[in-house]
Protein backbone atom coordinates (compact mmCIF):
# COMPACT_ATOMS: atom_id res chain seq x y z
CA MET A 1 30.64 -331.07 28.04
CA ASN A 2 32.57 -333.52 25.90
CA LEU A 3 32.31 -332.45 22.29
CA PRO A 4 34.20 -334.25 19.56
CA LYS A 5 37.49 -332.64 18.58
CA ARG A 6 36.21 -331.80 15.10
CA VAL A 7 33.27 -329.77 16.52
CA ARG A 8 35.51 -327.88 18.96
CA ARG A 9 37.86 -326.78 16.16
CA SER A 10 35.03 -325.51 13.99
CA ARG A 11 33.90 -323.15 16.79
CA HIS A 12 37.13 -321.10 16.43
CA GLY A 13 36.01 -319.96 13.00
CA VAL A 14 32.63 -318.84 14.32
CA ALA A 15 34.27 -316.68 16.99
CA ALA A 16 36.53 -315.05 14.40
CA ALA A 17 33.57 -314.33 12.12
CA GLU A 18 31.56 -312.82 14.99
CA PHE A 19 34.53 -310.67 15.95
CA ALA A 20 34.95 -309.45 12.36
CA VAL A 21 31.27 -308.48 12.19
CA CYS A 22 31.10 -306.81 15.61
CA LEU A 23 34.44 -304.95 15.61
CA PRO A 24 33.45 -302.11 13.22
CA VAL A 25 30.26 -301.48 15.19
CA ILE A 26 32.14 -301.39 18.49
CA VAL A 27 34.83 -299.08 17.08
CA LEU A 28 32.16 -296.72 15.71
CA LEU A 29 30.40 -296.65 19.08
CA VAL A 30 33.64 -295.91 20.93
CA LEU A 31 34.61 -293.12 18.52
CA GLY A 32 31.12 -291.65 18.80
CA MET A 33 31.31 -291.68 22.59
CA ILE A 34 34.72 -289.99 22.55
CA GLU A 35 33.46 -287.26 20.22
CA THR A 36 30.26 -286.80 22.24
CA CYS A 37 32.26 -286.45 25.47
CA SER A 38 34.46 -283.89 23.73
CA MET A 39 31.39 -281.84 22.79
CA VAL A 40 29.99 -282.10 26.33
CA PHE A 41 33.32 -280.78 27.64
CA LEU A 42 33.17 -277.95 25.09
CA LYS A 43 29.64 -277.01 26.16
CA GLN A 44 30.67 -277.07 29.83
CA SER A 45 33.73 -274.94 29.09
CA LEU A 46 31.59 -272.36 27.30
CA SER A 47 29.12 -272.34 30.21
CA VAL A 48 31.89 -271.77 32.73
CA ALA A 49 33.37 -268.96 30.62
CA ALA A 50 29.96 -267.27 30.25
CA TYR A 51 29.28 -267.57 33.98
CA GLU A 52 32.66 -266.12 34.93
CA GLY A 53 32.19 -263.35 32.36
CA ALA A 54 28.84 -262.53 33.96
CA HIS A 55 30.50 -262.52 37.36
CA MET A 56 33.00 -259.97 36.04
CA ALA A 57 30.24 -257.90 34.41
CA VAL A 58 28.48 -257.19 37.71
CA LYS A 59 31.60 -255.81 39.36
CA PRO A 60 31.61 -252.02 39.72
CA GLY A 61 33.45 -250.30 36.86
CA ALA A 62 33.83 -253.45 34.77
CA THR A 63 33.89 -252.99 31.00
CA ALA A 64 32.96 -255.26 28.13
CA ASP A 65 36.68 -255.69 27.43
CA ASP A 66 37.19 -256.94 31.00
CA VAL A 67 34.38 -259.46 30.48
CA ARG A 68 35.89 -260.65 27.17
CA ALA A 69 39.34 -260.95 28.76
CA THR A 70 37.93 -263.06 31.60
CA CYS A 71 36.06 -265.33 29.20
CA ASN A 72 39.02 -265.68 26.85
CA SER A 73 41.34 -266.54 29.74
CA ILE A 74 39.11 -269.46 30.74
CA LEU A 75 38.72 -270.58 27.14
CA LEU A 76 42.48 -270.50 26.68
CA ASP A 77 43.01 -272.59 29.83
CA ARG A 78 40.53 -275.18 28.54
CA ARG A 79 42.03 -275.13 25.01
CA VAL A 80 38.86 -273.99 23.27
CA ASN A 81 39.64 -272.79 19.74
CA ALA A 82 38.01 -270.03 17.69
CA ALA A 83 35.51 -268.98 20.37
CA THR A 84 33.72 -265.64 20.26
CA VAL A 85 32.41 -263.68 23.23
CA GLN A 86 29.45 -261.36 22.80
CA VAL A 87 28.47 -258.90 25.53
CA THR A 88 25.03 -257.29 25.32
CA PRO A 89 24.76 -254.36 25.87
CA SER A 90 28.25 -253.56 24.63
CA ASP A 91 28.63 -250.59 27.00
CA ILE A 92 28.02 -252.15 30.39
CA VAL A 93 29.51 -249.20 32.29
CA SER A 94 26.60 -246.93 31.33
CA THR A 95 23.97 -249.67 31.62
CA PRO A 96 21.38 -248.52 34.18
CA GLU A 97 20.72 -250.50 37.33
CA GLY A 98 18.02 -253.13 36.94
CA GLU A 99 18.86 -253.84 33.29
CA TYR A 100 19.91 -257.29 32.19
CA MET A 101 23.27 -258.08 30.61
CA GLU A 102 23.90 -261.15 28.49
CA ILE A 103 27.27 -262.80 27.99
CA ARG A 104 27.15 -265.33 25.13
CA VAL A 105 30.13 -267.53 24.27
CA THR A 106 30.13 -269.49 21.00
CA ALA A 107 32.62 -271.95 19.49
CA PRO A 108 32.53 -274.10 16.34
CA SER A 109 32.48 -277.85 16.88
CA ASP A 110 34.70 -278.39 13.83
CA ARG A 111 37.65 -276.67 15.49
CA ASN A 112 37.21 -278.26 18.92
CA GLY A 113 36.73 -281.99 18.39
CA MET A 114 39.26 -284.62 19.36
CA LEU A 115 38.96 -286.83 16.29
CA PRO A 116 39.53 -286.06 12.62
CA LEU A 117 36.10 -287.40 11.67
CA ARG A 118 33.43 -285.18 13.07
CA PHE A 119 30.06 -286.47 14.12
CA PHE A 120 29.06 -282.90 15.00
CA ARG A 121 30.40 -281.28 11.82
CA GLY A 122 29.18 -277.75 11.09
CA ASN A 123 27.56 -277.03 14.45
CA ASN A 124 28.19 -274.05 16.67
CA ILE A 125 27.94 -274.72 20.38
CA ASP A 126 27.08 -271.81 22.62
CA ALA A 127 26.30 -270.92 26.20
CA ALA A 128 24.97 -267.77 27.77
CA ALA A 129 24.68 -266.18 31.18
CA ILE A 130 22.24 -263.38 31.91
CA VAL A 131 22.66 -261.17 34.95
CA MET A 132 21.05 -258.00 36.24
CA LYS A 133 23.18 -254.95 36.89
CA GLU A 134 22.73 -254.05 40.53
CA ILE A 135 25.40 -251.46 41.31
């Protein structure tokens, strides 16, 4: 296509204007995706910790402290900050066979995001695993 030189030059300004309008939207989308992926990783980390804590809870002679130590070890490896581990019932040694035990792991999103601006500000993310005591 043979456009006059004057028309070709004027198109450079249109591209710059489009870029200036679109760039903030694209940056916001990228930052939102990064933060969302960070929260998905946090949720997965809490799920893994709860599952491994439940796995520890069904071992003969395991205590709630053993379960918390297992969960906290995984959370430390995955760099999860300010997480809490709740074991119900708290005395799993004397829990009768056939009763359910719940291991719930919770962490604040504020302390575990990758970016200084938080799209998930003020939320607590949690995961739980429920197992039956068999032995």
